[in-house]
Amino acid sequence: MRTLSKAEKLILFESAPIHKAVLRLVVPTILSQLVTMIYSFADAFFVGRLGDENQIAALSLVFPLYMMTTLLGNLFGIGGNSVISRALGEADYTKARRTSAFSVYSCVGVALVFSLCLYPALNEVLYFIGASANTVGYAYDYLYVVLILGAVPTTLQLTLSHLVRAEGASRQAGFGIMLGGILNIVLDPVFMFAFNLGFKGAAIATLISNCVSLAYFIVILFKTRSESFLSCDVRNYSLHVGGEVIANGAAAAITILFGSTSNIVMTKTASAYGDIAVASFGILQKYMTMAIFVAIGIGQGIAPLLGYNYTAQNYRRIRQATRIVVGADAILAAVFFIAVESFTVFFTSLLTSDADTAYAAAEFVKIGYLGIGGTIFMNFFISAYQAYGSWKSSLLMNFVRQIVIYIPNILIMSRLWGVVGLAAAYSVSELVAFVIALIIFLRLMKRIRKELTA
């Protein structure tokens, strides 16, 4: 795979035809997210073939804790991506090198601390978020492998993908994520069934895949260092850029924290209705994730282009790119909504061989998926906030979405309508949050237009 020169990377951001630039940045990111989606789906599919509702429920339980690695990856990866892309727009290449070095080594240090702190309290944490005697053992085995042993590779490969994407190397970033995802799909049945390791085998497959993905990014950065604006040289590590990276990354990281918190509340509330309710929520998560991953691919792919042209004061290019992405998100929302709502039982049956769980999950998914359009558009709005360095807007939106709207809806609607209320809480919350996010986004774009065309 040919690496773009420094000049070609800058041309892509500055003057390449806008459709070509968007496609070049977005398509590899979407493909990598699709593979990530497929391997996430594959985990659920293969666990479902075990025919054990307790292991399906355990997969729901580990999700919010596993997302903590995404939180750390986003903190330093998306934070670094935002700072680097805007630094390139200002031709401040020293800042880009310092930012990448800060992001890499800070990610490693924080991931190590996280795993060491979680290990002694892992059982207690699992019971707190809704594990039962039937599910805690499965969840513990999975998280021990992925979070305790694998915190650094799991987190760092995600951070590096964001940093590589910041300078326009979207193909390399996408390939690294796809490599790990495809390997995970291949290894899942090997460890789960051939080696008879069951749910723990899925965790081992994930850890190996993340290590391979990390190795790829390390090799790429080493081989292309002469044509890269990035640096992993520890001598470029500087705390001077740390505040800006963390300010921008914190919004993305806290988004995951808010999401994990609301997922824990949902799982804890659903556990009162039994393990099938927890499993149903887990299946809804998987099918929401299908659309969300594609939306994230669009948002993350376009973010460096928006950030670069914001600091380069090219509002026309920002407006053109935004129109393309909004159209793509509208099509995406329609396709996923029609497909899942039309064939719900078929889709839920793919993730469990237990008929009762499949039908219960189908009702949950039908109601919960009504809010998918709001979810997809909010992913773009939040990516745009981060690209422009408007971390306060991103943080505010996610706080309102997850803490102010979603959690109260879970508690109130479940009390009023039981399991049906739990599913409805998701769709209602996403649609209300979408309206608020749209208002914030339009106000931000109005400010940017005045700022760049004055």
Protein backbone atom coordinates (compact mmCIF):
# COMPACT_ATOMS: atom_id res chain seq x y z
CA MET A 1 0.00 0.00 0.00
CA ARG A 2 1.66 3.23 -1.19
CA THR A 3 2.13 5.94 1.41
CA LEU A 4 1.28 9.50 0.45
CA SER A 5 4.09 12.03 0.55
CA LYS A 6 3.81 15.05 2.83
CA ALA A 7 2.92 17.25 -0.15
CA GLU A 8 0.19 14.84 -1.32
CA LYS A 9 -1.33 14.77 2.16
CA LEU A 10 -1.58 18.55 2.23
CA ILE A 11 -3.07 18.67 -1.31
CA LEU A 12 -5.74 16.17 -0.19
CA PHE A 13 -6.83 18.53 2.56
CA GLU A 14 -6.44 21.81 0.66
CA SER A 15 -7.31 21.52 -3.00
CA ALA A 16 -8.26 18.02 -4.18
CA PRO A 17 -11.83 17.84 -5.58
CA ILE A 18 -14.09 17.71 -2.53
CA HIS A 19 -15.86 14.46 -3.46
CA LYS A 20 -12.50 12.79 -4.10
CA ALA A 21 -11.08 14.06 -0.80
CA VAL A 22 -14.13 12.94 1.18
CA LEU A 23 -14.14 9.49 -0.43
CA ARG A 24 -10.41 9.04 0.10
CA LEU A 25 -10.70 9.89 3.79
CA VAL A 26 -14.07 8.35 4.59
CA VAL A 27 -14.24 5.07 2.63
CA PRO A 28 -11.24 3.36 4.33
CA THR A 29 -12.55 4.46 7.71
CA ILE A 30 -16.01 3.10 6.95
CA LEU A 31 -14.52 -0.20 5.76
CA SER A 32 -12.45 -0.53 8.93
CA GLN A 33 -15.53 0.22 11.03
CA LEU A 34 -17.54 -2.33 9.04
CA VAL A 35 -14.96 -4.99 9.80
CA THR A 36 -15.00 -3.94 13.46
CA MET A 37 -18.78 -4.21 13.37
CA ILE A 38 -18.61 -7.64 11.76
CA TYR A 39 -16.17 -8.99 14.34
CA SER A 40 -18.28 -7.52 17.15
CA PHE A 41 -21.24 -9.22 15.53
CA ALA A 42 -19.18 -12.41 15.12
CA ASP A 43 -18.45 -12.50 18.86
CA ALA A 44 -22.17 -12.34 19.55
CA PHE A 45 -22.94 -14.86 16.78
CA PHE A 46 -20.47 -17.46 18.02
CA VAL A 47 -21.44 -16.95 21.66
CA GLY A 48 -25.06 -17.37 20.59
CA ARG A 49 -24.15 -20.73 19.01
CA LEU A 50 -23.20 -21.94 22.49
CA GLY A 51 -26.94 -21.97 23.26
CA ASP A 52 -26.46 -20.53 26.74
CA GLU A 53 -28.42 -17.40 27.67
CA ASN A 54 -26.01 -16.81 30.57
CA GLN A 55 -23.07 -16.37 28.22
CA ILE A 56 -25.12 -14.08 25.97
CA ALA A 57 -25.99 -12.03 29.05
CA ALA A 58 -22.30 -12.00 30.07
CA LEU A 59 -21.49 -10.46 26.69
CA SER A 60 -23.87 -7.61 27.57
CA LEU A 61 -22.18 -7.20 30.97
CA VAL A 62 -18.63 -6.92 29.63
CA PHE A 63 -19.56 -4.33 26.99
CA PRO A 64 -19.52 -1.17 29.18
CA LEU A 65 -16.24 -2.18 30.83
CA TYR A 66 -14.61 -3.13 27.54
CA MET A 67 -15.65 0.28 26.26
CA MET A 68 -13.29 1.79 28.83
CA THR A 69 -10.44 0.86 26.49
CA THR A 70 -12.22 2.80 23.76
CA LEU A 71 -12.52 5.67 26.25
CA LEU A 72 -8.75 5.75 26.73
CA GLY A 73 -8.07 5.27 23.02
CA ASN A 74 -10.38 8.19 22.22
CA LEU A 75 -8.90 10.38 24.96
CA PHE A 76 -5.44 10.34 23.40
CA GLY A 77 -6.36 9.31 19.83
CA ILE A 78 -9.25 11.63 18.98
CA GLY A 79 -7.73 14.36 21.15
CA GLY A 80 -4.44 14.03 19.30
CA ASN A 81 -6.20 13.75 15.94
CA SER A 82 -8.04 17.04 16.50
CA VAL A 83 -4.90 18.92 17.57
CA ILE A 84 -2.72 17.44 14.80
CA SER A 85 -5.14 18.17 11.94
CA ARG A 86 -5.53 21.79 13.06
CA ALA A 87 -1.76 22.12 13.56
CA LEU A 88 -1.22 20.98 9.97
CA GLY A 89 -3.72 23.59 8.80
CA GLU A 90 -1.50 26.20 10.52
CA ALA A 91 1.70 24.57 9.14
CA ASP A 92 2.90 23.98 12.73
CA TYR A 93 4.65 20.66 12.12
CA THR A 94 6.61 20.74 15.38
CA LYS A 95 3.35 20.79 17.30
CA ALA A 96 2.08 17.82 15.26
CA ARG A 97 5.17 15.76 16.21
CA ARG A 98 4.94 16.70 19.87
CA THR A 99 1.24 15.92 19.96
CA SER A 100 1.66 12.44 18.51
CA ALA A 101 4.47 11.58 20.94
CA PHE A 102 2.46 12.86 23.90
CA SER A 103 -0.60 10.85 22.82
CA VAL A 104 1.31 7.58 22.38
CA TYR A 105 3.27 7.51 25.62
CA SER A 106 0.49 8.95 27.75
CA CYS A 107 -1.87 6.27 26.39
CA VAL A 108 0.54 3.50 27.39
CA GLY A 109 0.99 4.86 30.91
CA VAL A 110 -2.70 5.43 31.62
CA ALA A 111 -3.71 2.01 30.21
CA LEU A 112 -1.24 0.28 32.53
CA VAL A 113 -2.56 2.15 35.57
CA PHE A 114 -6.15 1.33 34.58
CA SER A 115 -5.52 -2.42 34.32
CA LEU A 116 -3.60 -2.55 37.61
CA CYS A 117 -6.35 -0.69 39.46
CA LEU A 118 -9.20 -2.76 37.96
CA TYR A 119 -7.70 -6.20 38.60
CA PRO A 120 -8.25 -6.52 42.38
CA ALA A 121 -11.81 -5.15 42.17
CA LEU A 122 -13.03 -6.86 39.00
CA ASN A 123 -15.47 -9.29 40.66
CA GLU A 124 -17.03 -6.58 42.80
CA VAL A 125 -17.41 -4.29 39.79
CA LEU A 126 -19.19 -7.01 37.82
CA TYR A 127 -21.70 -7.68 40.61
CA PHE A 128 -22.27 -3.94 40.94
CA ILE A 129 -23.24 -3.55 37.28
CA GLY A 130 -25.72 -6.43 37.35
CA ALA A 131 -23.86 -9.75 37.12
CA SER A 132 -25.51 -12.78 38.68
CA ALA A 133 -23.99 -15.98 40.02
CA ASN A 134 -24.75 -17.48 36.59
CA THR A 135 -22.91 -14.84 34.57
CA VAL A 136 -20.10 -13.44 36.71
CA GLY A 137 -17.61 -16.23 35.97
CA TYR A 138 -17.94 -15.85 32.20
CA ALA A 139 -17.66 -12.06 32.38
CA TYR A 140 -14.60 -12.24 34.68
CA ASP A 141 -12.73 -14.64 32.37
CA TYR A 142 -13.36 -12.42 29.35
CA LEU A 143 -12.33 -9.16 31.00
CA TYR A 144 -9.25 -10.66 32.66
CA VAL A 145 -7.86 -11.46 29.22
CA VAL A 146 -8.96 -8.32 27.36
CA LEU A 147 -8.72 -5.62 30.04
CA ILE A 148 -6.19 -6.86 32.58
CA LEU A 149 -3.69 -8.59 30.28
CA GLY A 150 -4.55 -6.66 27.13
CA ALA A 151 -5.23 -3.07 28.20
CA VAL A 152 -2.15 -1.60 26.48
CA PRO A 153 -2.43 -3.25 23.03
CA THR A 154 -6.23 -2.88 23.00
CA THR A 155 -5.99 0.84 23.77
CA LEU A 156 -2.82 1.80 21.91
CA GLN A 157 -3.81 0.31 18.55
CA LEU A 158 -6.96 2.45 18.64
CA THR A 159 -4.99 5.59 19.55
CA LEU A 160 -2.51 5.01 16.72
CA SER A 161 -5.29 4.56 14.18
CA HIS A 162 -6.67 8.01 15.07
CA LEU A 163 -3.21 9.62 14.89
CA VAL A 164 -2.39 8.09 11.51
CA ARG A 165 -5.75 9.27 10.17
CA ALA A 166 -5.05 12.84 11.35
CA GLU A 167 -2.48 13.40 8.59
CA GLY A 168 -4.67 11.99 5.84
CA ALA A 169 -3.35 8.39 5.86
CA SER A 170 -6.87 7.03 6.10
CA ARG A 171 -6.09 3.90 4.08
CA GLN A 172 -3.28 2.82 6.41
CA ALA A 173 -5.41 3.59 9.47
CA GLY A 174 -8.32 1.64 8.05
CA PHE A 175 -6.21 -1.33 7.04
CA GLY A 176 -4.72 -1.64 10.53
CA ILE A 177 -8.15 -1.83 12.14
CA MET A 178 -9.44 -4.20 9.43
CA LEU A 179 -6.46 -6.50 9.90
CA GLY A 180 -7.28 -6.96 13.57
CA GLY A 181 -10.99 -7.35 12.89
CA ILE A 182 -10.61 -10.00 10.19
CA LEU A 183 -8.15 -11.95 12.32
CA ASN A 184 -10.61 -11.84 15.22
CA ILE A 185 -13.37 -13.31 13.05
CA VAL A 186 -11.06 -16.15 11.98
CA LEU A 187 -9.78 -16.88 15.48
CA ASP A 188 -13.14 -16.78 17.31
CA PRO A 189 -14.36 -20.24 16.24
CA VAL A 190 -10.85 -21.68 16.58
CA PHE A 191 -10.48 -20.78 20.25
CA MET A 192 -14.16 -21.11 21.18
CA PHE A 193 -14.90 -24.46 19.53
CA ALA A 194 -11.74 -26.14 18.24
CA PHE A 195 -9.91 -25.49 21.53
CA ASN A 196 -13.16 -25.81 23.50
CA LEU A 197 -12.59 -22.56 25.45
CA GLY A 198 -16.10 -21.16 24.96
CA PHE A 199 -16.62 -17.54 25.98
CA LYS A 200 -13.03 -17.17 27.18
CA GLY A 201 -11.86 -18.21 23.71
CA ALA A 202 -13.57 -15.12 22.26
CA ALA A 203 -11.51 -12.97 24.64
CA ILE A 204 -8.23 -14.65 23.63
CA ALA A 205 -9.07 -14.13 19.95
CA THR A 206 -9.72 -10.44 20.63
CA LEU A 207 -6.44 -9.99 22.50
CA ILE A 208 -4.35 -11.64 19.77
CA SER A 209 -6.08 -9.58 17.09
CA ASN A 210 -5.45 -6.32 18.94
CA CYS A 211 -1.76 -7.21 19.36
CA VAL A 212 -1.41 -7.88 15.62
CA SER A 213 -3.13 -4.59 14.78
CA LEU A 214 -0.78 -2.74 17.15
CA ALA A 215 2.25 -4.39 15.55
CA TYR A 216 1.05 -3.24 12.11
CA PHE A 217 0.80 0.40 13.21
CA ILE A 218 4.25 0.32 14.81
CA VAL A 219 5.75 -1.05 11.57
CA ILE A 220 3.92 1.54 9.44
CA LEU A 221 5.09 4.45 11.58
CA PHE A 222 8.67 3.19 11.50
CA LYS A 223 8.73 2.59 7.73
CA THR A 224 7.07 5.90 6.76
CA ARG A 225 8.71 8.18 9.33
CA SER A 226 10.45 10.27 6.61
CA GLU A 227 7.07 11.11 4.98
CA SER A 228 5.07 11.50 8.18
CA PHE A 229 4.20 14.54 10.26
CA LEU A 230 3.92 12.21 13.27
CA SER A 231 6.59 11.10 15.73
CA CYS A 232 6.89 8.34 18.30
CA ASP A 233 10.32 9.55 19.41
CA VAL A 234 10.18 9.93 23.18
CA ARG A 235 12.36 13.04 22.83
CA ASN A 236 9.35 14.79 21.27
CA TYR A 237 7.20 14.07 24.32
CA SER A 238 5.98 17.41 25.65
CA LEU A 239 3.49 18.29 28.34
CA HIS A 240 2.97 21.66 26.65
CA VAL A 241 0.51 20.09 24.19
CA GLY A 242 -1.03 17.82 26.83
CA GLY A 243 -3.70 20.24 27.96
CA GLU A 244 -5.04 20.77 24.46
CA VAL A 245 -4.98 17.06 23.63
CA ILE A 246 -6.79 16.12 26.83
CA ALA A 247 -9.32 18.97 26.52
CA ASN A 248 -10.31 17.78 23.03
CA GLY A 249 -9.97 14.08 23.83
CA ALA A 250 -11.80 14.32 27.14
CA ALA A 251 -15.02 15.18 25.37
CA ALA A 252 -14.70 11.99 23.28
CA ALA A 253 -13.57 9.94 26.29
CA ILE A 254 -16.28 11.23 28.59
CA THR A 255 -18.77 10.42 25.85
CA ILE A 256 -17.78 6.77 26.30
CA LEU A 257 -17.92 7.16 30.08
CA PHE A 258 -21.42 8.61 29.89
CA GLY A 259 -22.43 5.84 27.49
CA SER A 260 -20.95 3.15 29.74
CA THR A 261 -22.73 4.68 32.73
CA SER A 262 -26.10 4.64 30.97
CA ASN A 263 -25.43 1.08 29.75
CA ILE A 264 -24.68 0.01 33.32
CA VAL A 265 -27.93 1.58 34.49
CA MET A 266 -29.80 -0.16 31.68
CA THR A 267 -28.16 -3.53 32.39
CA LYS A 268 -28.77 -3.18 36.13
CA THR A 269 -32.43 -2.26 35.54
CA ALA A 270 -32.92 -5.03 32.98
CA SER A 271 -31.40 -7.61 35.37
CA ALA A 272 -34.48 -7.19 37.58
CA TYR A 273 -36.48 -8.79 34.75
CA GLY A 274 -34.09 -11.76 34.41
CA ASP A 275 -31.13 -12.79 32.25
CA ILE A 276 -33.25 -12.92 29.08
CA ALA A 277 -33.97 -9.19 29.42
CA VAL A 278 -30.25 -8.50 29.83
CA ALA A 279 -29.53 -10.65 26.78
CA SER A 280 -32.21 -8.80 24.79
CA PHE A 281 -30.58 -5.48 25.58
CA GLY A 282 -27.24 -6.92 24.50
CA ILE A 283 -28.71 -7.95 21.15
CA LEU A 284 -30.19 -4.46 20.68
CA GLN A 285 -26.73 -3.03 21.36
CA LYS A 286 -25.23 -5.20 18.64
CA TYR A 287 -27.71 -4.04 16.03
CA MET A 288 -27.41 -0.41 17.09
CA THR A 289 -23.65 -0.85 16.84
CA MET A 290 -23.98 -1.99 13.23
CA ALA A 291 -25.25 1.42 12.16
CA ILE A 292 -23.21 3.37 14.69
CA PHE A 293 -19.91 1.93 13.46
CA VAL A 294 -20.62 3.08 9.90
CA ALA A 295 -21.67 6.52 11.16
CA ILE A 296 -18.50 6.71 13.25
CA GLY A 297 -16.48 5.80 10.16
CA ILE A 298 -18.02 8.73 8.27
CA GLY A 299 -17.54 11.14 11.16
CA GLN A 300 -13.98 10.15 12.01
CA GLY A 301 -12.96 10.05 8.37
CA ILE A 302 -14.19 13.58 7.65
CA ALA A 303 -12.92 15.13 10.92
CA PRO A 304 -9.30 15.82 9.79
CA LEU A 305 -10.57 17.53 6.62
CA LEU A 306 -12.91 19.75 8.66
CA GLY A 307 -10.26 20.56 11.26
CA TYR A 308 -7.59 21.37 8.69
CA ASN A 309 -9.84 23.69 6.69
CA TYR A 310 -11.13 25.37 9.84
CA THR A 311 -7.64 26.58 10.79
CA ALA A 312 -6.85 27.23 7.10
CA GLN A 313 -10.02 29.42 7.05
CA ASN A 314 -11.60 27.69 4.04
CA TYR A 315 -15.31 27.81 4.90
CA ARG A 316 -16.42 26.86 1.38
CA ARG A 317 -14.66 23.50 1.63
CA ILE A 318 -16.16 22.89 5.09
CA ARG A 319 -19.67 23.57 3.77
CA GLN A 320 -19.22 21.27 0.77
CA ALA A 321 -17.92 18.39 2.91
CA THR A 322 -20.73 18.83 5.44
CA ARG A 323 -23.41 18.59 2.75
CA ILE A 324 -21.94 15.34 1.44
CA VAL A 325 -21.80 13.77 4.90
CA VAL A 326 -25.35 14.82 5.84
CA GLY A 327 -26.66 13.17 2.66
CA ALA A 328 -24.71 9.99 3.35
CA ASP A 329 -26.00 9.81 6.93
CA ALA A 330 -29.61 10.22 5.75
CA ILE A 331 -29.24 7.28 3.35
CA LEU A 332 -27.52 5.20 6.03
CA ALA A 333 -30.31 5.82 8.55
CA ALA A 334 -33.02 4.84 6.06
CA VAL A 335 -31.28 1.63 4.98
CA PHE A 336 -30.62 0.35 8.49
CA PHE A 337 -34.06 1.28 9.79
CA ILE A 338 -35.92 -0.48 6.97
CA ALA A 339 -33.72 -3.60 7.09
CA VAL A 340 -33.83 -4.17 10.86
CA GLU A 341 -37.50 -3.26 11.35
CA SER A 342 -38.55 -5.53 8.46
CA PHE A 343 -36.58 -8.64 9.47
CA THR A 344 -36.23 -8.30 13.23
CA VAL A 345 -36.82 -11.92 14.25
CA PHE A 346 -34.41 -13.16 11.58
CA PHE A 347 -31.68 -10.84 12.84
CA THR A 348 -32.16 -11.67 16.52
CA SER A 349 -32.16 -15.40 15.72
CA LEU A 350 -28.66 -14.98 14.30
CA LEU A 351 -27.36 -14.08 17.75
CA THR A 352 -29.03 -16.80 19.80
CA SER A 353 -30.19 -20.33 19.18
CA ASP A 354 -32.66 -20.03 22.08
CA ALA A 355 -36.13 -19.32 20.64
CA ASP A 356 -37.47 -17.56 23.75
CA THR A 357 -34.51 -15.18 23.85
CA ALA A 358 -34.77 -14.53 20.09
CA TYR A 359 -38.44 -13.51 20.26
CA ALA A 360 -38.01 -11.45 23.42
CA ALA A 361 -35.05 -9.66 21.83
CA ALA A 362 -37.05 -9.05 18.62
CA GLU A 363 -39.61 -6.99 20.53
CA PHE A 364 -36.83 -5.10 22.29
CA VAL A 365 -35.02 -4.34 19.02
CA LYS A 366 -38.18 -3.27 17.13
CA ILE A 367 -38.93 -0.58 19.71
CA GLY A 368 -35.35 0.44 20.44
CA TYR A 369 -34.43 0.85 16.77
CA LEU A 370 -36.96 3.63 16.24
CA GLY A 371 -34.30 6.11 17.35
CA ILE A 372 -31.56 4.98 14.95
CA GLY A 373 -31.76 8.11 12.75
CA GLY A 374 -31.03 10.39 15.69
CA THR A 375 -28.11 8.20 16.75
CA ILE A 376 -26.48 8.30 13.32
CA PHE A 377 -26.69 12.07 12.89
CA MET A 378 -25.44 12.74 16.42
CA ASN A 379 -22.24 10.83 15.65
CA PHE A 380 -21.51 13.30 12.84
CA PHE A 381 -22.38 16.33 14.94
CA ILE A 382 -20.06 15.19 17.72
CA SER A 383 -17.20 14.47 15.27
CA ALA A 384 -17.64 17.97 13.85
CA TYR A 385 -17.57 19.55 17.33
CA GLN A 386 -14.27 17.77 18.01
CA ALA A 387 -12.79 18.66 14.60
CA TYR A 388 -13.34 22.37 15.27
CA GLY A 389 -11.93 22.12 18.78
CA SER A 390 -15.38 22.87 20.21
CA TRP A 391 -14.95 20.30 22.98
CA LYS A 392 -17.39 22.10 25.28
CA SER A 393 -20.24 21.59 22.78
CA SER A 394 -19.34 17.90 22.45
CA LEU A 395 -19.18 17.44 26.21
CA LEU A 396 -22.44 19.28 26.82
CA MET A 397 -24.29 17.32 24.16
CA ASN A 398 -23.20 13.95 25.47
CA PHE A 399 -23.93 14.88 29.07
CA VAL A 400 -27.46 15.94 28.14
CA ARG A 401 -27.93 12.89 25.91
CA GLN A 402 -26.80 10.17 28.30
CA ILE A 403 -27.17 11.58 31.82
CA VAL A 404 -29.96 14.16 31.64
CA ILE A 405 -32.24 12.36 29.16
CA TYR A 406 -31.42 8.65 28.85
CA ILE A 407 -30.86 7.54 32.45
CA PRO A 408 -34.02 9.22 33.83
CA ASN A 409 -36.00 7.73 30.93
CA ILE A 410 -34.70 4.24 31.75
CA LEU A 411 -35.80 4.54 35.37
CA ILE A 412 -39.16 6.20 34.68
CA MET A 413 -40.26 4.26 31.60
CA SER A 414 -39.26 0.86 33.00
CA ARG A 415 -41.34 1.60 36.10
CA LEU A 416 -44.33 2.53 33.94
CA TRP A 417 -44.11 -0.11 31.18
CA GLY A 418 -41.60 -2.74 32.28
CA VAL A 419 -39.35 -4.28 29.63
CA VAL A 420 -41.21 -2.45 26.84
CA GLY A 421 -40.43 0.81 28.64
CA LEU A 422 -36.73 -0.09 28.72
CA ALA A 423 -36.62 -0.48 24.94
CA ALA A 424 -38.67 2.68 24.39
CA ALA A 425 -36.38 4.65 26.71
CA TYR A 426 -33.54 4.27 24.20
CA SER A 427 -35.43 5.40 21.10
CA VAL A 428 -37.21 8.30 22.82
CA SER A 429 -33.95 9.55 24.35
CA GLU A 430 -32.06 9.43 21.05
CA LEU A 431 -34.72 11.36 19.17
CA VAL A 432 -34.97 14.08 21.84
CA ALA A 433 -31.17 14.35 22.03
CA PHE A 434 -30.98 14.62 18.23
CA VAL A 435 -33.15 17.75 18.22
CA ILE A 436 -30.92 19.37 20.86
CA ALA A 437 -27.73 18.33 19.02
CA LEU A 438 -29.05 19.77 15.75
CA ILE A 439 -29.70 23.15 17.39
CA ILE A 440 -26.18 23.22 18.86
CA PHE A 441 -24.65 22.19 15.52
CA LEU A 442 -26.50 24.85 13.52
CA ARG A 443 -25.43 27.54 15.99
CA LEU A 444 -21.83 26.35 15.75
CA MET A 445 -21.88 26.43 11.94
CA LYS A 446 -23.35 29.93 12.00
CA ARG A 447 -20.50 31.09 14.24
CA ILE A 448 -17.86 29.45 12.03
CA ARG A 449 -19.36 31.01 8.89
CA LYS A 450 -19.17 34.48 10.44
CA GLU A 451 -15.66 33.83 11.75
CA LEU A 452 -14.22 32.56 8.46
CA THR A 453 -16.05 34.82 5.99
CA ALA A 454 -15.71 38.10 7.90
